[in-house]
Amino acid sequence: DKNEAELLSCGTGNEIYRLNLQEGRFMKPMETNIDGINSIRINPNLNILGCVGSYGKMEIWDIRSRNKIAYLPLEEDLNIINDSKNLFFGND
């Protein structure tokens, strides 16, 4: 949501931490099925969040409802991660 000031952070665990900058407090984290999240990225046009982690696993979240909408176990071909990132989230 463009009207919210929220910082998202990930690390070696399976949670995406949410810091509400307006209220100055942590909100309930988003729990994924990925251990060791390596990257998160938001598509503001679709209001979705993608996260990629260890062993090529990828999850897509609806950031408005904080619900997971897709889980992609990409262990077979780790090169697809770059293609998926560009497909869903565009190039910067």
C-alpha atoms as a PDB file:
ATOM      1  CA  ASP A   1       0.000   0.000   0.000  1.00  0.00           C
ATOM      2  CA  LYS A   2       1.514   3.300  -1.076  1.00  0.00           C
ATOM      3  CA  ASN A   3      -0.095   5.061   1.888  1.00  0.00           C
ATOM      4  CA  GLU A   4       1.698   2.904   4.447  1.00  0.00           C
ATOM      5  CA  ALA A   5       5.280   3.393   5.546  1.00  0.00           C
ATOM      6  CA  GLU A   6       6.444  -0.151   6.185  1.00  0.00           C
ATOM      7  CA  LEU A   7       9.975  -1.515   5.995  1.00  0.00           C
ATOM      8  CA  LEU A   8      10.356  -5.197   5.121  1.00  0.00           C
ATOM      9  CA  SER A   9      13.443  -7.169   6.093  1.00  0.00           C
ATOM     10  CA  CYS A  10      14.516 -10.801   5.787  1.00  0.00           C
ATOM     11  CA  GLY A  11      17.417 -12.924   6.953  1.00  0.00           C
ATOM     12  CA  THR A  12      18.531 -16.453   7.629  1.00  0.00           C
ATOM     13  CA  GLY A  13      15.202 -17.521   9.112  1.00  0.00           C
ATOM     14  CA  ASN A  14      11.805 -18.095   7.531  1.00  0.00           C
ATOM     15  CA  GLU A  15      10.171 -14.793   8.500  1.00  0.00           C
ATOM     16  CA  ILE A  16       9.797 -11.476   6.714  1.00  0.00           C
ATOM     17  CA  TYR A  17       9.926  -8.814   9.401  1.00  0.00           C
ATOM     18  CA  ARG A  18       7.684  -5.762   9.106  1.00  0.00           C
ATOM     19  CA  LEU A  19       8.557  -2.449  10.735  1.00  0.00           C
ATOM     20  CA  ASN A  20       5.804   0.183  10.656  1.00  0.00           C
ATOM     21  CA  LEU A  21       7.689   3.458  10.313  1.00  0.00           C
ATOM     22  CA  GLN A  22       4.634   5.603  11.137  1.00  0.00           C
ATOM     23  CA  GLU A  23       4.026   3.860  14.461  1.00  0.00           C
ATOM     24  CA  GLY A  24       7.664   3.028  15.168  1.00  0.00           C
ATOM     25  CA  ARG A  25       6.996  -0.617  16.023  1.00  0.00           C
ATOM     26  CA  PHE A  26       7.357  -4.096  14.603  1.00  0.00           C
ATOM     27  CA  MET A  27       4.226  -5.715  13.227  1.00  0.00           C
ATOM     28  CA  LYS A  28       3.478  -9.442  13.070  1.00  0.00           C
ATOM     29  CA  PRO A  29       6.031 -11.023  10.693  1.00  0.00           C
ATOM     30  CA  MET A  30       5.010 -12.930   7.601  1.00  0.00           C
ATOM     31  CA  GLU A  31       6.006 -16.598   8.033  1.00  0.00           C
ATOM     32  CA  THR A  32       7.190 -18.399   4.918  1.00  0.00           C
ATOM     33  CA  ASN A  33       8.018 -22.011   4.112  1.00  0.00           C
ATOM     34  CA  ILE A  34      11.506 -20.907   3.083  1.00  0.00           C
ATOM     35  CA  ASP A  35      14.491 -21.283   5.398  1.00  0.00           C
ATOM     36  CA  GLY A  36      17.090 -18.642   4.660  1.00  0.00           C
ATOM     37  CA  ILE A  37      15.346 -15.979   2.599  1.00  0.00           C
ATOM     38  CA  ASN A  38      17.916 -14.469   0.240  1.00  0.00           C
ATOM     39  CA  SER A  39      15.883 -11.789  -1.504  1.00  0.00           C
ATOM     40  CA  ILE A  40      12.527 -10.036  -1.367  1.00  0.00           C
ATOM     41  CA  ARG A  41      11.014  -7.766  -3.974  1.00  0.00           C
ATOM     42  CA  ILE A  42       7.704  -5.899  -4.328  1.00  0.00           C
ATOM     43  CA  ASN A  43       5.731  -5.312  -7.503  1.00  0.00           C
ATOM     44  CA  PRO A  44       3.790  -2.124  -6.673  1.00  0.00           C
ATOM     45  CA  ASN A  45       1.497  -2.471  -9.704  1.00  0.00           C
ATOM     46  CA  LEU A  46       0.175  -5.870  -8.610  1.00  0.00           C
ATOM     47  CA  ASN A  47       0.652  -5.384  -4.855  1.00  0.00           C
ATOM     48  CA  ILE A  48       2.576  -8.645  -4.587  1.00  0.00           C
ATOM     49  CA  LEU A  49       5.760  -9.538  -2.770  1.00  0.00           C
ATOM     50  CA  GLY A  50       8.123 -12.222  -4.023  1.00  0.00           C
ATOM     51  CA  CYS A  51      10.733 -13.890  -1.855  1.00  0.00           C
ATOM     52  CA  VAL A  52      13.422 -16.353  -2.896  1.00  0.00           C
ATOM     53  CA  GLY A  53      15.438 -18.495  -0.546  1.00  0.00           C
ATOM     54  CA  SER A  54      17.683 -21.447  -0.087  1.00  0.00           C
ATOM     55  CA  TYR A  55      17.474 -24.313  -2.568  1.00  0.00           C
ATOM     56  CA  GLY A  56      15.628 -22.172  -5.117  1.00  0.00           C
ATOM     57  CA  LYS A  57      12.297 -21.976  -3.329  1.00  0.00           C
ATOM     58  CA  MET A  58      10.083 -18.979  -4.152  1.00  0.00           C
ATOM     59  CA  GLU A  59       6.884 -17.627  -2.607  1.00  0.00           C
ATOM     60  CA  ILE A  60       4.519 -14.920  -3.833  1.00  0.00           C
ATOM     61  CA  TRP A  61       2.452 -12.940  -1.301  1.00  0.00           C
ATOM     62  CA  ASP A  62      -0.454 -10.504  -1.597  1.00  0.00           C
ATOM     63  CA  ILE A  63       0.901  -7.600   0.466  1.00  0.00           C
ATOM     64  CA  ARG A  64      -2.566  -6.105   1.082  1.00  0.00           C
ATOM     65  CA  SER A  65      -3.967  -9.186   2.820  1.00  0.00           C
ATOM     66  CA  ARG A  66      -0.575 -10.671   3.919  1.00  0.00           C
ATOM     67  CA  ASN A  67      -1.625 -14.021   2.430  1.00  0.00           C
ATOM     68  CA  LYS A  68       0.600 -16.371   0.455  1.00  0.00           C
ATOM     69  CA  ILE A  69      -0.759 -16.839  -3.070  1.00  0.00           C
ATOM     70  CA  ALA A  70       1.888 -19.097  -4.637  1.00  0.00           C
ATOM     71  CA  TYR A  71       4.734 -21.415  -3.693  1.00  0.00           C
ATOM     72  CA  LEU A  72       7.262 -22.461  -6.323  1.00  0.00           C
ATOM     73  CA  PRO A  73       9.819 -25.144  -5.384  1.00  0.00           C
ATOM     74  CA  LEU A  74      12.422 -24.410  -8.050  1.00  0.00           C
ATOM     75  CA  GLU A  75      15.096 -26.880  -6.970  1.00  0.00           C
ATOM     76  CA  GLU A  76      15.375 -28.354 -10.466  1.00  0.00           C
ATOM     77  CA  ASP A  77      16.721 -25.288 -12.272  1.00  0.00           C
ATOM     78  CA  LEU A  78      18.092 -22.468 -10.162  1.00  0.00           C
ATOM     79  CA  ASN A  79      18.561 -20.282 -13.265  1.00  0.00           C
ATOM     80  CA  ILE A  80      14.797 -19.847 -13.488  1.00  0.00           C
ATOM     81  CA  ILE A  81      14.950 -17.599 -10.400  1.00  0.00           C
ATOM     82  CA  ASN A  82      16.478 -14.762 -12.416  1.00  0.00           C
ATOM     83  CA  ASP A  83      13.976 -15.271 -15.219  1.00  0.00           C
ATOM     84  CA  SER A  84      11.057 -15.353 -12.757  1.00  0.00           C
ATOM     85  CA  LYS A  85      12.261 -12.209 -11.002  1.00  0.00           C
ATOM     86  CA  ASN A  86      12.401 -10.326 -14.287  1.00  0.00           C
ATOM     87  CA  LEU A  87       9.084 -11.738 -15.458  1.00  0.00           C
ATOM     88  CA  PHE A  88       7.116 -10.923 -12.310  1.00  0.00           C
ATOM     89  CA  PHE A  89       8.944  -7.894 -10.998  1.00  0.00           C
ATOM     90  CA  GLY A  90      10.582  -6.266 -14.037  1.00  0.00           C
ATOM     91  CA  ASN A  91      14.056  -4.905 -14.488  1.00  0.00           C
ATOM     92  CA  ASP A  92      15.316  -1.871 -12.604  1.00  0.00           C
END
